[in-house]
Amino acid sequence: EHHGLGARRNVRVERLSGDVFEPAIEMWRVLVQPGYGSGKGSFSFEGEEVLVCEDGTIEVVIGSETYELQAGDSLHFKASLPHAWRNPGDVPASLTVACDFPRQFRAALHRKLRPRRIR
């Protein structure tokens, strides 16, 4: 199931990992419209992250370094380094993300992505 983040669903997220209790890692597929990304500024958390660009181009900034990933490229880094990513191209891009989110971060993300109930 896909979940939209941000106005007009410019970043769509699909959780690939299952509902294992207290998972060590999680995997996500992310579809990013042109000009959009992980949000304002950078973020960091304890752990590691692996990004795999599936389609299009993903620009990743880690600290003061910038990396441009094309389809098939991957990047593995310590998530404690301030980082951000975005689609600098003019076509949608997709990436797969594997990481070991801290418990609080994971819980907040799951709440944000929980399907809304219609009342």
Protein backbone atom coordinates (compact mmCIF):
# COMPACT_ATOMS: atom_id res chain seq x y z
CA GLU A 1 0.00 0.00 0.00
CA HIS A 2 1.28 3.48 -0.91
CA HIS A 3 1.11 6.42 1.42
CA GLY A 4 1.52 10.06 0.42
CA LEU A 5 3.72 12.51 2.25
CA GLY A 6 3.51 16.25 1.78
CA ALA A 7 1.17 18.46 -0.15
CA ARG A 8 -0.35 16.89 -3.27
CA ARG A 9 1.44 13.61 -2.54
CA ASN A 10 4.72 14.60 -4.20
CA VAL A 11 6.56 11.88 -2.28
CA ARG A 12 4.89 8.46 -2.05
CA VAL A 13 6.13 5.75 0.30
CA GLU A 14 5.53 2.00 0.22
CA ARG A 15 6.69 -0.09 3.17
CA LEU A 16 8.36 -3.28 1.90
CA SER A 17 9.28 -4.84 5.24
CA GLY A 18 6.81 -6.79 7.34
CA ASP A 19 5.41 -6.35 10.81
CA VAL A 20 8.21 -8.03 12.76
CA PHE A 21 8.15 -6.98 16.42
CA GLU A 22 10.99 -4.49 17.13
CA PRO A 23 12.61 -4.85 13.68
CA ALA A 24 16.35 -4.27 13.30
CA ILE A 25 15.88 -2.99 9.73
CA GLU A 26 13.07 -1.65 7.58
CA MET A 27 12.76 -1.29 3.82
CA TRP A 28 10.78 1.31 1.91
CA ARG A 29 10.16 2.11 -1.76
CA VAL A 30 9.87 5.85 -2.35
CA LEU A 31 8.49 7.55 -5.48
CA VAL A 32 9.63 11.18 -5.71
CA GLN A 33 8.17 13.72 -8.10
CA PRO A 34 10.56 16.22 -9.80
CA GLY A 35 11.85 18.90 -7.43
CA TYR A 36 10.75 17.14 -4.23
CA GLY A 37 12.58 15.14 -1.58
CA SER A 38 13.03 14.44 2.09
CA GLY A 39 11.91 17.91 3.19
CA LYS A 40 13.48 21.13 4.42
CA GLY A 41 16.95 20.88 5.89
CA SER A 42 18.74 17.67 6.77
CA PHE A 43 18.09 15.00 9.37
CA SER A 44 20.12 12.41 11.24
CA PHE A 45 19.62 9.47 13.59
CA GLU A 46 21.74 6.70 15.05
CA GLY A 47 22.14 3.78 12.66
CA GLU A 48 22.87 3.11 9.01
CA GLU A 49 21.05 3.70 5.77
CA VAL A 50 21.29 2.15 2.30
CA LEU A 51 19.72 3.98 -0.65
CA VAL A 52 19.27 2.28 -4.03
CA CYS A 53 18.11 4.44 -6.94
CA GLU A 54 15.68 2.41 -9.05
CA ASP A 55 14.60 5.02 -11.64
CA GLY A 56 15.49 8.59 -12.48
CA THR A 57 18.01 10.60 -10.47
CA ILE A 58 18.31 11.10 -6.72
CA GLU A 59 20.63 13.74 -5.31
CA VAL A 60 21.85 12.87 -1.80
CA VAL A 61 23.62 15.37 0.46
CA ILE A 62 25.56 13.84 3.36
CA GLY A 63 27.32 16.44 5.47
CA SER A 64 29.12 18.66 2.96
CA GLU A 65 29.27 16.01 0.19
CA THR A 66 26.74 15.68 -2.64
CA TYR A 67 26.17 12.42 -4.51
CA GLU A 68 24.06 11.92 -7.64
CA LEU A 69 22.55 8.46 -7.90
CA GLN A 70 21.27 7.11 -11.22
CA ALA A 71 19.22 3.93 -11.73
CA GLY A 72 21.20 1.01 -10.28
CA ASP A 73 23.46 3.14 -8.06
CA SER A 74 23.52 2.64 -4.29
CA LEU A 75 24.88 4.51 -1.30
CA HIS A 76 25.53 3.13 2.22
CA PHE A 77 26.27 5.58 5.03
CA LYS A 78 26.04 6.26 8.75
CA ALA A 79 22.66 7.91 9.33
CA SER A 80 24.16 9.93 12.21
CA LEU A 81 25.64 12.22 9.53
CA PRO A 82 23.22 15.02 8.58
CA HIS A 83 21.64 13.99 5.29
CA ALA A 84 18.87 14.81 2.83
CA TRP A 85 17.79 13.67 -0.62
CA ARG A 86 15.74 15.01 -3.52
CA ASN A 87 14.84 14.45 -7.15
CA PRO A 88 16.67 17.15 -9.15
CA GLY A 89 15.41 15.83 -12.50
CA ASP A 90 12.34 16.53 -14.58
CA VAL A 91 10.84 13.02 -14.39
CA PRO A 92 9.71 11.00 -11.35
CA ALA A 93 12.43 9.05 -9.55
CA SER A 94 12.20 6.06 -7.25
CA LEU A 95 14.50 4.66 -4.62
CA THR A 96 14.55 1.81 -2.16
CA VAL A 97 15.64 2.69 1.38
CA ALA A 98 16.87 0.17 3.96
CA CYS A 99 17.72 1.42 7.43
CA ASP A 100 17.61 0.72 11.13
CA PHE A 101 15.45 3.58 12.39
CA PRO A 102 15.52 4.31 16.12
CA ARG A 103 12.33 3.20 17.89
CA GLN A 104 10.94 6.73 18.37
CA PHE A 105 11.59 7.72 14.74
CA ARG A 106 10.06 4.48 13.47
CA ALA A 107 6.94 4.91 15.63
CA ALA A 108 6.43 8.50 14.45
CA LEU A 109 6.82 7.48 10.79
CA HIS A 110 4.37 4.59 11.17
CA ARG A 111 1.81 6.92 12.78
CA LYS A 112 2.22 9.42 9.93
CA LEU A 113 1.75 6.70 7.31
CA ARG A 114 -1.17 4.91 9.01
CA PRO A 115 -4.23 4.94 6.76
CA ARG A 116 -6.75 7.54 7.89
CA ARG A 117 -10.18 6.33 8.96
CA ILE A 118 -13.20 7.96 7.42
CA ARG A 119 -15.64 9.12 10.09
